[in-house]
Amino acid sequence: MHLGHFSISLAVKDLAASRAFYEKLGFAVIGGEAEQNWLILQNGDSTVGLFQGMFERNVLTFNPGWDARAQRLEEFSDVREVQRHLKKQGLELTTEADESTTGPASLALLDPDGNPVLIDQHVE
């Protein structure tokens, strides 16, 4: 099972201030819509998502089917496959992907310290 590319999704108070800060660290915007209060920034293989007013807490994010450049992988573990594996491991999910669908879907769970973990598949 491969969870896909990892990033941190930060719940920010001021998108412009956060963008300026991370750009000073060498990150560059590679996606998102500032008008919709979200941006994706990268520095090498490190990815940070900035989300103003969308999340209560920072979220650990995995994207099945994507590499570090948000390019589709030829082979990957579908989010529903990941979901079945996690359930077999006895993990409790806070949201689940619809098993009757294919393509983009997501699931969420909390780690032992209450940190949100999002597994968010964007590809078919």
PDB file of N, CA and C in Angstrom:
ATOM      1  N   MET A   1       0.851  -1.178   0.000  1.00  0.00           N
ATOM      2  CA  MET A   1       0.000   0.000   0.000  1.00  0.00           C
ATOM      3  C   MET A   1       0.895   1.238   0.000  1.00  0.00           C
ATOM      4  N   HIS A   2       0.614   2.148  -0.912  1.00  0.00           N
ATOM      5  CA  HIS A   2       1.353   3.411  -0.980  1.00  0.00           C
ATOM      6  C   HIS A   2       0.350   4.550  -0.839  1.00  0.00           C
ATOM      7  N   LEU A   3       0.587   5.437   0.129  1.00  0.00           N
ATOM      8  CA  LEU A   3      -0.353   6.521   0.421  1.00  0.00           C
ATOM      9  C   LEU A   3      -0.263   7.687  -0.562  1.00  0.00           C
ATOM     10  N   GLY A   4       0.778   7.752  -1.368  1.00  0.00           N
ATOM     11  CA  GLY A   4       0.934   8.855  -2.306  1.00  0.00           C
ATOM     12  C   GLY A   4       1.760   9.980  -1.723  1.00  0.00           C
ATOM     13  N   HIS A   5       1.834  11.063  -2.454  1.00  0.00           N
ATOM     14  CA  HIS A   5       2.657  12.203  -2.050  1.00  0.00           C
ATOM     15  C   HIS A   5       2.157  12.801  -0.742  1.00  0.00           C
ATOM     16  N   PHE A   6       3.103  13.153   0.142  1.00  0.00           N
ATOM     17  CA  PHE A   6       2.784  13.736   1.433  1.00  0.00           C
ATOM     18  C   PHE A   6       2.943  15.252   1.395  1.00  0.00           C
ATOM     19  N   SER A   7       2.029  15.943   2.052  1.00  0.00           N
ATOM     20  CA  SER A   7       2.160  17.384   2.267  1.00  0.00           C
ATOM     21  C   SER A   7       1.497  17.729   3.589  1.00  0.00           C
ATOM     22  N   ILE A   8       1.750  18.927   4.034  1.00  0.00           N
ATOM     23  CA  ILE A   8       1.068  19.436   5.216  1.00  0.00           C
ATOM     24  C   ILE A   8       0.104  20.518   4.744  1.00  0.00           C
ATOM     25  N   SER A   9      -1.127  20.444   5.172  1.00  0.00           N
ATOM     26  CA  SER A   9      -2.137  21.451   4.857  1.00  0.00           C
ATOM     27  C   SER A   9      -2.298  22.320   6.092  1.00  0.00           C
ATOM     28  N   LEU A  10      -1.876  23.568   5.985  1.00  0.00           N
ATOM     29  CA  LEU A  10      -1.881  24.465   7.131  1.00  0.00           C
ATOM     30  C   LEU A  10      -3.131  25.328   7.166  1.00  0.00           C
ATOM     31  N   ALA A  11      -3.756  25.384   8.321  1.00  0.00           N
ATOM     32  CA  ALA A  11      -4.896  26.278   8.557  1.00  0.00           C
ATOM     33  C   ALA A  11      -4.298  27.640   8.913  1.00  0.00           C
ATOM     34  N   VAL A  12      -4.302  28.574   7.959  1.00  0.00           N
ATOM     35  CA  VAL A  12      -3.646  29.871   8.165  1.00  0.00           C
ATOM     36  C   VAL A  12      -4.669  30.965   8.444  1.00  0.00           C
ATOM     37  N   LYS A  13      -4.232  31.983   9.161  1.00  0.00           N
ATOM     38  CA  LYS A  13      -5.095  33.120   9.490  1.00  0.00           C
ATOM     39  C   LYS A  13      -5.081  34.174   8.396  1.00  0.00           C
ATOM     40  N   ASP A  14      -3.937  34.340   7.723  1.00  0.00           N
ATOM     41  CA  ASP A  14      -3.764  35.370   6.699  1.00  0.00           C
ATOM     42  C   ASP A  14      -2.993  34.754   5.539  1.00  0.00           C
ATOM     43  N   LEU A  15      -3.691  34.430   4.450  1.00  0.00           N
ATOM     44  CA  LEU A  15      -3.088  33.736   3.315  1.00  0.00           C
ATOM     45  C   LEU A  15      -1.902  34.515   2.751  1.00  0.00           C
ATOM     46  N   ALA A  16      -2.048  35.809   2.566  1.00  0.00           N
ATOM     47  CA  ALA A  16      -0.973  36.624   1.990  1.00  0.00           C
ATOM     48  C   ALA A  16       0.267  36.626   2.886  1.00  0.00           C
ATOM     49  N   ALA A  17       0.073  36.759   4.187  1.00  0.00           N
ATOM     50  CA  ALA A  17       1.205  36.766   5.111  1.00  0.00           C
ATOM     51  C   ALA A  17       1.903  35.409   5.124  1.00  0.00           C
ATOM     52  N   SER A  18       1.117  34.337   5.112  1.00  0.00           N
ATOM     53  CA  SER A  18       1.702  32.995   5.100  1.00  0.00           C
ATOM     54  C   SER A  18       2.441  32.740   3.794  1.00  0.00           C
ATOM     55  N   ARG A  19       1.862  33.158   2.686  1.00  0.00           N
ATOM     56  CA  ARG A  19       2.523  32.995   1.388  1.00  0.00           C
ATOM     57  C   ARG A  19       3.869  33.716   1.402  1.00  0.00           C
ATOM     58  N   ALA A  20       3.884  34.961   1.853  1.00  0.00           N
ATOM     59  CA  ALA A  20       5.123  35.738   1.893  1.00  0.00           C
ATOM     60  C   ALA A  20       6.167  35.050   2.766  1.00  0.00           C
ATOM     61  N   PHE A  21       5.752  34.527   3.918  1.00  0.00           N
ATOM     62  CA  PHE A  21       6.665  33.831   4.813  1.00  0.00           C
ATOM     63  C   PHE A  21       7.289  32.621   4.127  1.00  0.00           C
ATOM     64  N   TYR A  22       6.466  31.751   3.541  1.00  0.00           N
ATOM     65  CA  TYR A  22       6.989  30.532   2.926  1.00  0.00           C
ATOM     66  C   TYR A  22       7.794  30.830   1.674  1.00  0.00           C
ATOM     67  N   GLU A  23       7.468  31.881   0.959  1.00  0.00           N
ATOM     68  CA  GLU A  23       8.293  32.270  -0.186  1.00  0.00           C
ATOM     69  C   GLU A  23       9.684  32.704   0.269  1.00  0.00           C
ATOM     70  N   LYS A  24       9.785  33.342   1.429  1.00  0.00           N
ATOM     71  CA  LYS A  24      11.091  33.711   1.982  1.00  0.00           C
ATOM     72  C   LYS A  24      11.903  32.478   2.366  1.00  0.00           C
ATOM     73  N   LEU A  25      11.221  31.366   2.640  1.00  0.00           N
ATOM     74  CA  LEU A  25      11.899  30.098   2.921  1.00  0.00           C
ATOM     75  C   LEU A  25      12.279  29.352   1.639  1.00  0.00           C
ATOM     76  N   GLY A  26      11.945  29.928   0.487  1.00  0.00           N
ATOM     77  CA  GLY A  26      12.298  29.310  -0.783  1.00  0.00           C
ATOM     78  C   GLY A  26      11.186  28.532  -1.451  1.00  0.00           C
ATOM     79  N   PHE A  27       9.973  28.591  -0.908  1.00  0.00           N
ATOM     80  CA  PHE A  27       8.831  27.918  -1.533  1.00  0.00           C
ATOM     81  C   PHE A  27       8.286  28.787  -2.671  1.00  0.00           C
ATOM     82  N   ALA A  28       7.704  28.136  -3.665  1.00  0.00           N
ATOM     83  CA  ALA A  28       7.066  28.835  -4.779  1.00  0.00           C
ATOM     84  C   ALA A  28       5.666  28.269  -4.981  1.00  0.00           C
ATOM     85  N   VAL A  29       4.733  29.117  -5.368  1.00  0.00           N
ATOM     86  CA  VAL A  29       3.358  28.685  -5.620  1.00  0.00           C
ATOM     87  C   VAL A  29       3.329  27.805  -6.861  1.00  0.00           C
ATOM     88  N   ILE A  30       2.724  26.626  -6.729  1.00  0.00           N
ATOM     89  CA  ILE A  30       2.573  25.719  -7.874  1.00  0.00           C
ATOM     90  C   ILE A  30       1.106  25.445  -8.196  1.00  0.00           C
ATOM     91  N   GLY A  31       0.201  25.922  -7.351  1.00  0.00           N
ATOM     92  CA  GLY A  31      -1.214  25.670  -7.589  1.00  0.00           C
ATOM     93  C   GLY A  31      -2.075  26.398  -6.588  1.00  0.00           C
ATOM     94  N   GLY A  32      -3.375  26.251  -6.781  1.00  0.00           N
ATOM     95  CA  GLY A  32      -4.336  26.868  -5.878  1.00  0.00           C
ATOM     96  C   GLY A  32      -4.950  28.122  -6.462  1.00  0.00           C
ATOM     97  N   GLU A  33      -5.814  28.737  -5.688  1.00  0.00           N
ATOM     98  CA  GLU A  33      -6.519  29.951  -6.081  1.00  0.00           C
ATOM     99  C   GLU A  33      -6.562  30.895  -4.888  1.00  0.00           C
ATOM    100  N   ALA A  34      -5.745  31.936  -4.913  1.00  0.00           N
ATOM    101  CA  ALA A  34      -5.725  32.885  -3.802  1.00  0.00           C
ATOM    102  C   ALA A  34      -7.108  33.484  -3.567  1.00  0.00           C
ATOM    103  N   GLU A  35      -7.876  33.696  -4.643  1.00  0.00           N
ATOM    104  CA  GLU A  35      -9.225  34.253  -4.520  1.00  0.00           C
ATOM    105  C   GLU A  35     -10.165  33.321  -3.776  1.00  0.00           C
ATOM    106  N   GLN A  36      -9.832  32.028  -3.763  1.00  0.00           N
ATOM    107  CA  GLN A  36     -10.612  31.031  -3.031  1.00  0.00           C
ATOM    108  C   GLN A  36      -9.962  30.684  -1.688  1.00  0.00           C
ATOM    109  N   ASN A  37      -8.946  31.431  -1.310  1.00  0.00           N
ATOM    110  CA  ASN A  37      -8.266  31.300  -0.016  1.00  0.00           C
ATOM    111  C   ASN A  37      -7.445  30.027   0.150  1.00  0.00           C
ATOM    112  N   TRP A  38      -6.831  29.532  -0.949  1.00  0.00           N
ATOM    113  CA  TRP A  38      -5.936  28.390  -0.811  1.00  0.00           C
ATOM    114  C   TRP A  38      -4.839  28.428  -1.864  1.00  0.00           C
ATOM    115  N   LEU A  39      -3.635  28.020  -1.455  1.00  0.00           N
ATOM    116  CA  LEU A  39      -2.479  27.945  -2.344  1.00  0.00           C
ATOM    117  C   LEU A  39      -1.661  26.708  -1.990  1.00  0.00           C
ATOM    118  N   ILE A  40      -0.983  26.160  -2.998  1.00  0.00           N
ATOM    119  CA  ILE A  40      -0.061  25.050  -2.802  1.00  0.00           C
ATOM    120  C   ILE A  40       1.329  25.557  -3.174  1.00  0.00           C
ATOM    121  N   LEU A  41       2.272  25.374  -2.262  1.00  0.00           N
ATOM    122  CA  LEU A  41       3.639  25.824  -2.485  1.00  0.00           C
ATOM    123  C   LEU A  41       4.599  24.648  -2.371  1.00  0.00           C
ATOM    124  N   GLN A  42       5.715  24.743  -3.120  1.00  0.00           N
ATOM    125  CA  GLN A  42       6.723  23.691  -3.042  1.00  0.00           C
ATOM    126  C   GLN A  42       8.120  24.282  -2.979  1.00  0.00           C
ATOM    127  N   ASN A  43       8.984  23.515  -2.320  1.00  0.00           N
ATOM    128  CA  ASN A  43      10.416  23.754  -2.304  1.00  0.00           C
ATOM    129  C   ASN A  43      11.031  22.378  -2.463  1.00  0.00           C
ATOM    130  N   GLY A  44      11.561  22.090  -3.647  1.00  0.00           N
ATOM    131  CA  GLY A  44      12.036  20.736  -3.927  1.00  0.00           C
ATOM    132  C   GLY A  44      10.866  19.778  -3.852  1.00  0.00           C
ATOM    133  N   ASP A  45      11.007  18.720  -3.070  1.00  0.00           N
ATOM    134  CA  ASP A  45       9.932  17.741  -2.912  1.00  0.00           C
ATOM    135  C   ASP A  45       9.040  18.036  -1.716  1.00  0.00           C
ATOM    136  N   SER A  46       9.280  19.157  -1.040  1.00  0.00           N
ATOM    137  CA  SER A  46       8.473  19.536   0.129  1.00  0.00           C
ATOM    138  C   SER A  46       7.278  20.366  -0.322  1.00  0.00           C
ATOM    139  N   THR A  47       6.097  19.970   0.128  1.00  0.00           N
ATOM    140  CA  THR A  47       4.866  20.636  -0.279  1.00  0.00           C
ATOM    141  C   THR A  47       4.117  21.135   0.948  1.00  0.00           C
ATOM    142  N   VAL A  48       3.665  22.391   0.862  1.00  0.00           N
ATOM    143  CA  VAL A  48       2.869  23.008   1.917  1.00  0.00           C
ATOM    144  C   VAL A  48       1.620  23.582   1.270  1.00  0.00           C
ATOM    145  N   GLY A  49       0.459  23.210   1.797  1.00  0.00           N
ATOM    146  CA  GLY A  49      -0.793  23.814   1.362  1.00  0.00           C
ATOM    147  C   GLY A  49      -1.205  24.858   2.387  1.00  0.00           C
ATOM    148  N   LEU A  50      -1.601  26.035   1.907  1.00  0.00           N
ATOM    149  CA  LEU A  50      -2.075  27.101   2.787  1.00  0.00           C
ATOM    150  C   LEU A  50      -3.571  27.255   2.570  1.00  0.00           C
ATOM    151  N   PHE A  51      -4.350  27.128   3.631  1.00  0.00           N
ATOM    152  CA  PHE A  51      -5.805  27.158   3.537  1.00  0.00           C
ATOM    153  C   PHE A  51      -6.360  28.117   4.582  1.00  0.00           C
ATOM    154  N   GLN A  52      -6.896  29.238   4.127  1.00  0.00           N
ATOM    155  CA  GLN A  52      -7.462  30.224   5.046  1.00  0.00           C
ATOM    156  C   GLN A  52      -8.962  29.993   5.190  1.00  0.00           C
ATOM    157  N   GLY A  53      -9.392  29.721   6.432  1.00  0.00           N
ATOM    158  CA  GLY A  53     -10.809  29.556   6.711  1.00  0.00           C
ATOM    159  C   GLY A  53     -11.413  28.246   6.258  1.00  0.00           C
ATOM    160  N   MET A  54     -10.606  27.261   5.916  1.00  0.00           N
ATOM    161  CA  MET A  54     -11.125  25.986   5.422  1.00  0.00           C
ATOM    162  C   MET A  54     -11.003  24.856   6.430  1.00  0.00           C
ATOM    163  N   PHE A  55      -9.983  24.888   7.268  1.00  0.00           N
ATOM    164  CA  PHE A  55      -9.750  23.841   8.263  1.00  0.00           C
ATOM    165  C   PHE A  55      -9.618  24.480   9.633  1.00  0.00           C
ATOM    166  N   GLU A  56     -10.013  23.747  10.659  1.00  0.00           N
ATOM    167  CA  GLU A  56      -9.811  24.218  12.030  1.00  0.00           C
ATOM    168  C   GLU A  56      -8.374  23.978  12.488  1.00  0.00           C
ATOM    169  N   ARG A  57      -7.777  22.899  12.008  1.00  0.00           N
ATOM    170  CA  ARG A  57      -6.429  22.503  12.433  1.00  0.00           C
ATOM    171  C   ARG A  57      -5.584  22.186  11.210  1.00  0.00           C
ATOM    172  N   ASN A  58      -4.292  22.114  11.414  1.00  0.00           N
ATOM    173  CA  ASN A  58      -3.389  21.647  10.368  1.00  0.00           C
ATOM    174  C   ASN A  58      -3.697  20.180  10.082  1.00  0.00           C
ATOM    175  N   VAL A  59      -3.491  19.762   8.841  1.00  0.00           N
ATOM    176  CA  VAL A  59      -3.852  18.411   8.424  1.00  0.00           C
ATOM    177  C   VAL A  59      -2.676  17.760   7.707  1.00  0.00           C
ATOM    178  N   LEU A  60      -2.347  16.528   8.103  1.00  0.00           N
ATOM    179  CA  LEU A  60      -1.373  15.727   7.365  1.00  0.00           C
ATOM    180  C   LEU A  60      -2.104  15.175   6.146  1.00  0.00           C
ATOM    181  N   THR A  61      -1.570  15.412   4.959  1.00  0.00           N
ATOM    182  CA  THR A  61      -2.281  15.063   3.735  1.00  0.00           C
ATOM    183  C   THR A  61      -1.453  14.121   2.862  1.00  0.00           C
ATOM    184  N   PHE A  62      -2.111  13.086   2.357  1.00  0.00           N
ATOM    185  CA  PHE A  62      -1.501  12.164   1.403  1.00  0.00           C
ATOM    186  C   PHE A  62      -2.380  12.151   0.155  1.00  0.00           C
ATOM    187  N   ASN A  63      -1.741  12.118  -1.018  1.00  0.00           N
ATOM    188  CA  ASN A  63      -2.483  12.125  -2.281  1.00  0.00           C
ATOM    189  C   ASN A  63      -2.149  10.891  -3.110  1.00  0.00           C
ATOM    190  N   PRO A  64      -2.951   9.809  -2.963  1.00  0.00           N
ATOM    191  CA  PRO A  64      -2.728   8.629  -3.804  1.00  0.00           C
ATOM    192  C   PRO A  64      -2.812   9.003  -5.281  1.00  0.00           C
ATOM    193  N   GLY A  65      -1.889   8.452  -6.058  1.00  0.00           N
ATOM    194  CA  GLY A  65      -1.902   8.683  -7.497  1.00  0.00           C
ATOM    195  C   GLY A  65      -1.088   9.871  -7.958  1.00  0.00           C
ATOM    196  N   TRP A  66      -0.526  10.636  -7.021  1.00  0.00           N
ATOM    197  CA  TRP A  66       0.286  11.802  -7.381  1.00  0.00           C
ATOM    198  C   TRP A  66       1.728  11.621  -6.948  1.00  0.00           C
ATOM    199  N   ASP A  67       2.633  12.178  -7.776  1.00  0.00           N
ATOM    200  CA  ASP A  67       4.017  12.279  -7.352  1.00  0.00           C
ATOM    201  C   ASP A  67       4.236  13.654  -6.719  1.00  0.00           C
ATOM    202  N   ALA A  68       5.471  13.994  -6.429  1.00  0.00           N
ATOM    203  CA  ALA A  68       5.783  15.257  -5.750  1.00  0.00           C
ATOM    204  C   ALA A  68       5.446  16.492  -6.590  1.00  0.00           C
ATOM    205  N   ARG A  69       5.225  16.333  -7.869  1.00  0.00           N
ATOM    206  CA  ARG A  69       4.880  17.447  -8.759  1.00  0.00           C
ATOM    207  C   ARG A  69       3.404  17.449  -9.155  1.00  0.00           C
ATOM    208  N   ALA A  70       2.605  16.708  -8.401  1.00  0.00           N
ATOM    209  CA  ALA A  70       1.166  16.581  -8.667  1.00  0.00           C
ATOM    210  C   ALA A  70       0.901  16.022 -10.066  1.00  0.00           C
ATOM    211  N   GLN A  71       1.797  15.146 -10.503  1.00  0.00           N
ATOM    212  CA  GLN A  71       1.633  14.448 -11.773  1.00  0.00           C
ATOM    213  C   GLN A  71       1.120  13.046 -11.480  1.00  0.00           C
ATOM    214  N   ARG A  72       0.238  12.577 -12.346  1.00  0.00           N
ATOM    215  CA  ARG A  72      -0.375  11.266 -12.137  1.00  0.00           C
ATOM    216  C   ARG A  72       0.650  10.150 -12.241  1.00  0.00           C
ATOM    217  N   LEU A  73       0.586   9.221 -11.278  1.00  0.00           N
ATOM    218  CA  LEU A  73       1.416   8.023 -11.306  1.00  0.00           C
ATOM    219  C   LEU A  73       0.710   6.950 -12.121  1.00  0.00           C
ATOM    220  N   GLU A  74       1.476   6.154 -12.828  1.00  0.00           N
ATOM    221  CA  GLU A  74       0.886   5.065 -13.611  1.00  0.00           C
ATOM    222  C   GLU A  74       0.259   4.011 -12.697  1.00  0.00           C
ATOM    223  N   GLU A  75       0.943   3.677 -11.599  1.00  0.00           N
ATOM    224  CA  GLU A  75       0.444   2.692 -10.655  1.00  0.00           C
ATOM    225  C   GLU A  75       0.366   3.320  -9.269  1.00  0.00           C
ATOM    226  N   PHE A  76      -0.728   3.066  -8.582  1.00  0.00           N
ATOM    227  CA  PHE A  76      -0.888   3.588  -7.229  1.00  0.00           C
ATOM    228  C   PHE A  76      -1.985   2.813  -6.512  1.00  0.00           C
ATOM    229  N   SER A  77      -2.009   2.945  -5.192  1.00  0.00           N
ATOM    230  CA  SER A  77      -3.052   2.324  -4.374  1.00  0.00           C
ATOM    231  C   SER A  77      -4.257   3.261  -4.347  1.00  0.00           C
ATOM    232  N   ASP A  78      -5.374   2.808  -4.878  1.00  0.00           N
ATOM    233  CA  ASP A  78      -6.600   3.597  -4.877  1.00  0.00           C
ATOM    234  C   ASP A  78      -7.035   3.857  -3.436  1.00  0.00           C
ATOM    235  N   VAL A  79      -7.629   5.019  -3.210  1.00  0.00           N
ATOM    236  CA  VAL A  79      -8.040   5.404  -1.852  1.00  0.00           C
ATOM    237  C   VAL A  79      -8.983   4.376  -1.223  1.00  0.00           C
ATOM    238  N   ARG A  80      -9.803   3.711  -2.022  1.00  0.00           N
ATOM    239  CA  ARG A  80     -10.705   2.697  -1.479  1.00  0.00           C
ATOM    240  C   ARG A  80      -9.923   1.455  -1.030  1.00  0.00           C
ATOM    241  N   GLU A  81      -8.855   1.131  -1.734  1.00  0.00           N
ATOM    242  CA  GLU A  81      -7.968   0.045  -1.330  1.00  0.00           C
ATOM    243  C   GLU A  81      -7.275   0.409  -0.006  1.00  0.00           C
ATOM    244  N   VAL A  82      -6.799   1.631   0.081  1.00  0.00           N
ATOM    245  CA  VAL A  82      -6.182   2.118   1.319  1.00  0.00           C
ATOM    246  C   VAL A  82      -7.193   2.037   2.463  1.00  0.00           C
ATOM    247  N   GLN A  83      -8.426   2.458   2.185  1.00  0.00           N
ATOM    248  CA  GLN A  83      -9.486   2.445   3.198  1.00  0.00           C
ATOM    249  C   GLN A  83      -9.728   1.031   3.727  1.00  0.00           C
ATOM    250  N   ARG A  84      -9.827   0.060   2.832  1.00  0.00           N
ATOM    251  CA  ARG A  84     -10.049  -1.328   3.255  1.00  0.00           C
ATOM    252  C   ARG A  84      -8.889  -1.809   4.145  1.00  0.00           C
ATOM    253  N   HIS A  85      -7.668  -1.458   3.753  1.00  0.00           N
ATOM    254  CA  HIS A  85      -6.496  -1.845   4.538  1.00  0.00           C
ATOM    255  C   HIS A  85      -6.537  -1.215   5.933  1.00  0.00           C
ATOM    256  N   LEU A  86      -6.846   0.063   6.011  1.00  0.00           N
ATOM    257  CA  LEU A  86      -6.883   0.750   7.303  1.00  0.00           C
ATOM    258  C   LEU A  86      -7.946   0.147   8.221  1.00  0.00           C
ATOM    259  N   LYS A  87      -9.099  -0.168   7.656  1.00  0.00           N
ATOM    260  CA  LYS A  87     -10.165  -0.776   8.455  1.00  0.00           C
ATOM    261  C   LYS A  87      -9.748  -2.155   8.973  1.00  0.00           C
ATOM    262  N   LYS A  88      -9.060  -2.929   8.126  1.00  0.00           N
ATOM    263  CA  LYS A  88      -8.573  -4.246   8.561  1.00  0.00           C
ATOM    264  C   LYS A  88      -7.572  -4.103   9.696  1.00  0.00           C
ATOM    265  N   GLN A  89      -6.878  -2.981   9.741  1.00  0.00           N
ATOM    266  CA  GLN A  89      -5.914  -2.711  10.806  1.00  0.00           C
ATOM    267  C   GLN A  89      -6.600  -2.217  12.077  1.00  0.00           C
ATOM    268  N   GLY A  90      -7.925  -2.059  12.027  1.00  0.00           N
ATOM    269  CA  GLY A  90      -8.688  -1.644  13.194  1.00  0.00           C
ATOM    270  C   GLY A  90      -8.739  -0.141  13.412  1.00  0.00           C
ATOM    271  N   LEU A  91      -8.359   0.635  12.404  1.00  0.00           N
ATOM    272  CA  LEU A  91      -8.398   2.087  12.540  1.00  0.00           C
ATOM    273  C   LEU A  91      -9.810   2.610  12.302  1.00  0.00           C
ATOM    274  N   GLU A  92     -10.184   3.605  13.086  1.00  0.00           N
ATOM    275  CA  GLU A  92     -11.500   4.223  12.958  1.00  0.00           C
ATOM    276  C   GLU A  92     -11.388   5.441  12.043  1.00  0.00           C
ATOM    277  N   LEU A  93     -12.200   5.475  11.001  1.00  0.00           N
ATOM    278  CA  LEU A  93     -12.185   6.586  10.055  1.00  0.00           C
ATOM    279  C   LEU A  93     -13.236   7.618  10.456  1.00  0.00           C
ATOM    280  N   THR A  94     -12.897   8.893  10.293  1.00  0.00           N
ATOM    281  CA  THR A  94     -13.860   9.957  10.592  1.00  0.00           C
ATOM    282  C   THR A  94     -14.716  10.281   9.380  1.00  0.00           C
ATOM    283  N   THR A  95     -14.172  10.070   8.186  1.00  0.00           N
ATOM    284  CA  THR A  95     -14.947  10.121   6.944  1.00  0.00           C
ATOM    285  C   THR A  95     -14.428   9.004   6.047  1.00  0.00           C
ATOM    286  N   GLU A  96     -15.306   8.507   5.186  1.00  0.00           N
ATOM    287  CA  GLU A  96     -14.939   7.386   4.325  1.00  0.00           C
ATOM    288  C   GLU A  96     -15.228   7.686   2.865  1.00  0.00           C
ATOM    289  N   ALA A  97     -14.440   7.053   1.995  1.00  0.00           N
ATOM    290  CA  ALA A  97     -14.693   7.091   0.565  1.00  0.00           C
ATOM    291  C   ALA A  97     -15.846   6.135   0.260  1.00  0.00           C
ATOM    292  N   ASP A  98     -16.671   6.501  -0.689  1.00  0.00           N
ATOM    293  CA  ASP A  98     -17.781   5.652  -1.106  1.00  0.00           C
ATOM    294  C   ASP A  98     -17.222   4.482  -1.904  1.00  0.00           C
ATOM    295  N   GLU A  99     -17.363   3.283  -1.373  1.00  0.00           N
ATOM    296  CA  GLU A  99     -16.827   2.073  -2.004  1.00  0.00           C
ATOM    297  C   GLU A  99     -17.494   1.750  -3.341  1.00  0.00           C
ATOM    298  N   SER A 100     -18.658   2.324  -3.598  1.00  0.00           N
ATOM    299  CA  SER A 100     -19.365   2.022  -4.851  1.00  0.00           C
ATOM    300  C   SER A 100     -18.905   2.924  -6.002  1.00  0.00           C
ATOM    301  N   THR A 101     -17.953   3.839  -5.737  1.00  0.00           N
ATOM    302  CA  THR A 101     -17.492   4.768  -6.764  1.00  0.00           C
ATOM    303  C   THR A 101     -16.073   4.427  -7.194  1.00  0.00           C
ATOM    304  N   THR A 102     -15.620   5.112  -8.234  1.00  0.00           N
ATOM    305  CA  THR A 102     -14.231   5.039  -8.676  1.00  0.00           C
ATOM    306  C   THR A 102     -13.731   6.472  -8.850  1.00  0.00           C
ATOM    307  N   GLY A 103     -12.430   6.612  -8.992  1.00  0.00           N
ATOM    308  CA  GLY A 103     -11.857   7.934  -9.224  1.00  0.00           C
ATOM    309  C   GLY A 103     -11.670   8.730  -7.949  1.00  0.00           C
ATOM    310  N   PRO A 104     -11.707  10.057  -8.084  1.00  0.00           N
ATOM    311  CA  PRO A 104     -11.433  10.929  -6.948  1.00  0.00           C
ATOM    312  C   PRO A 104     -12.341  10.641  -5.748  1.00  0.00           C
ATOM    313  N   ALA A 105     -11.711  10.598  -4.572  1.00  0.00           N
ATOM    314  CA  ALA A 105     -12.430  10.373  -3.310  1.00  0.00           C
ATOM    315  C   ALA A 105     -11.445  10.617  -2.181  1.00  0.00           C
ATOM    316  N   SER A 106     -11.967  10.662  -0.968  1.00  0.00           N
ATOM    317  CA  SER A 106     -11.075  10.877   0.168  1.00  0.00           C
ATOM    318  C   SER A 106     -11.598  10.162   1.404  1.00  0.00           C
ATOM    319  N   LEU A 107     -10.712  10.030   2.365  1.00  0.00           N
ATOM    320  CA  LEU A 107     -11.057   9.516   3.684  1.00  0.00           C
ATOM    321  C   LEU A 107     -10.252  10.312   4.697  1.00  0.00           C
ATOM    322  N   ALA A 108     -10.679  10.266   5.937  1.00  0.00           N
ATOM    323  CA  ALA A 108      -9.970  10.974   6.993  1.00  0.00           C
ATOM    324  C   ALA A 108      -9.988  10.145   8.268  1.00  0.00           C
ATOM    325  N   LEU A 109      -8.982  10.374   9.093  1.00  0.00           N
ATOM    326  CA  LEU A 109      -8.890   9.746  10.393  1.00  0.00           C
ATOM    327  C   LEU A 109      -8.030  10.634  11.291  1.00  0.00           C
ATOM    328  N   LEU A 110      -7.997  10.304  12.562  1.00  0.00           N
ATOM    329  CA  LEU A 110      -7.191  11.049  13.520  1.00  0.00           C
ATOM    330  C   LEU A 110      -6.082  10.143  14.040  1.00  0.00           C
ATOM    331  N   ASP A 111      -4.881  10.713  14.194  1.00  0.00           N
ATOM    332  CA  ASP A 111      -3.811   9.926  14.796  1.00  0.00           C
ATOM    333  C   ASP A 111      -4.018   9.898  16.309  1.00  0.00           C
ATOM    334  N   PRO A 112      -3.201   9.168  17.070  1.00  0.00           N
ATOM    335  CA  PRO A 112      -3.430   9.047  18.515  1.00  0.00           C
ATOM    336  C   PRO A 112      -3.425  10.364  19.281  1.00  0.00           C
ATOM    337  N   ASP A 113      -2.812  11.396  18.703  1.00  0.00           N
ATOM    338  CA  ASP A 113      -2.772  12.700  19.365  1.00  0.00           C
ATOM    339  C   ASP A 113      -3.851  13.648  18.871  1.00  0.00           C
ATOM    340  N   GLY A 114      -4.763  13.144  18.036  1.00  0.00           N
ATOM    341  CA  GLY A 114      -5.849  13.964  17.532  1.00  0.00           C
ATOM    342  C   GLY A 114      -5.519  14.774  16.292  1.00  0.00           C
ATOM    343  N   ASN A 115      -4.348  14.504  15.676  1.00  0.00           N
ATOM    344  CA  ASN A 115      -3.993  15.210  14.449  1.00  0.00           C
ATOM    345  C   ASN A 115      -4.774  14.632  13.274  1.00  0.00           C
ATOM    346  N   PRO A 116      -5.437  15.487  12.507  1.00  0.00           N
ATOM    347  CA  PRO A 116      -6.184  15.000  11.354  1.00  0.00           C
ATOM    348  C   PRO A 116      -5.243  14.480  10.254  1.00  0.00           C
ATOM    349  N   VAL A 117      -5.616  13.368   9.680  1.00  0.00           N
ATOM    350  CA  VAL A 117      -4.899  12.776   8.540  1.00  0.00           C
ATOM    351  C   VAL A 117      -5.911  12.647   7.410  1.00  0.00           C
ATOM    352  N   LEU A 118      -5.589  13.238   6.260  1.00  0.00           N
ATOM    353  CA  LEU A 118      -6.465  13.215   5.091  1.00  0.00           C
ATOM    354  C   LEU A 118      -5.781  12.430   3.984  1.00  0.00           C
ATOM    355  N   ILE A 119      -6.481  11.466   3.437  1.00  0.00           N
ATOM    356  CA  ILE A 119      -5.989  10.737   2.265  1.00  0.00           C
ATOM    357  C   ILE A 119      -6.944  11.110   1.142  1.00  0.00           C
ATOM    358  N   ASP A 120      -6.438  11.942   0.244  1.00  0.00           N
ATOM    359  CA  ASP A 120      -7.255  12.659  -0.741  1.00  0.00           C
ATOM    360  C   ASP A 120      -6.775  12.359  -2.154  1.00  0.00           C
ATOM    361  N   GLN A 121      -7.524  11.515  -2.850  1.00  0.00           N
ATOM    362  CA  GLN A 121      -7.170  11.109  -4.213  1.00  0.00           C
ATOM    363  C   GLN A 121      -7.869  12.011  -5.214  1.00  0.00           C
ATOM    364  N   HIS A 122      -7.083  12.606  -6.126  1.00  0.00           N
ATOM    365  CA  HIS A 122      -7.639  13.513  -7.137  1.00  0.00           C
ATOM    366  C   HIS A 122      -7.703  12.883  -8.531  1.00  0.00           C
ATOM    367  N   VAL A 123      -7.101  11.723  -8.718  1.00  0.00           N
ATOM    368  CA  VAL A 123      -6.993  11.129 -10.053  1.00  0.00           C
ATOM    369  C   VAL A 123      -7.915   9.928 -10.208  1.00  0.00           C
ATOM    370  N   GLU A 124      -8.191   9.596 -11.452  1.00  0.00           N
ATOM    371  CA  GLU A 124      -9.003   8.415 -11.789  1.00  0.00           C
ATOM    372  C   GLU A 124      -8.235   7.154 -11.506  1.00  0.00           C
TER     373      GLU A 124
END
